[in-house]
Amino acid sequence: MTRNNPTSATTNAGSVDFQVTFDQNVTGVTTGSFNLSPTVTGASLTSVSDGGSCSPSCTVTVGTGTGDGTLELELNNVGSIQDSYGMGLSGTFSSGEQYTIDKTAPTVGIGSPSPSSTNTGPVTYTITYTGADTVTLADGDVTLNKTGTADGTVAVSGSGTATRTVTVSGIIFFLPPHSPQPSHNPRPQSGIRPPLGIRPPLGIRPPLGIRPPLGIRPPRFLKPRRSFLTLTDICRKWVKRLET
């Protein structure tokens, strides 16, 4: 008993076909001639091709039920199976191929960029898969969600069915034409002037001299009295000079 449709071991199909081959032509093969060894909920034998006449092969169709698991066909009840001479089949068979039923869709997750911000790169992302049978992610499958004039080159690396690494390199961006360039000597904001020196706080004036405490007056200095000469005094001085 071998897998017939599909021939691959893993499937999510609603039904599968086993090919059952005898060593000669037989009749009387029915769904009751077989048992299922399933781990899938709701799996069931559906039909046998050619009305149960296998020459010497026939196809047994099995519904795969719901959920995930395995399906294997076993030939156990052989009482109704006979060859062209009416001789019954002796023995059973339970060593055929099996299907793996996988109806749970795989999931994929994209990790955070490393580093989270850059103007040159490279930047790497880790892609994580769960429940995947095969992973065929290629460079052309990745689209960059770009804004402005930023751009980069994508490369996918890794193997297996668990992870892939996406590397974005050659990151570039362009400034729009006539865009203002940053000044190396920015002017101060309007209304703000750089200090030219240290100025005393408002309301405080530096001392111009030493002043006495309030209520104490400095001593007065007596001015020399002026002397006045009368006409008589002048005449006397001239008389004395003449006498001498």
Foldseek 3Di string as FASTA:
>chain_A
DAWDVPRDQEDQDQKTKDKDFDPAKKAQDWLVQKDKPKPAPPKGWDTWPPNRIPRGMIITMMGRHDDWTKIFIWGDRFQRIAHPVRDTDDDIGGPYGMHTHHNDDKDKDKAAWVPNDDQFDWIKIKIFIDPDPADDDAQVVDDDPDDAFWDWGWGWDDDDGTIIMIITGRIHGDDDPPDDDDDPDDDDDPPDDDDPDDDDDPPDDDDPDDDDDPPDDDDDDDDDDDDDDDPVNVVVVVVVVVVD
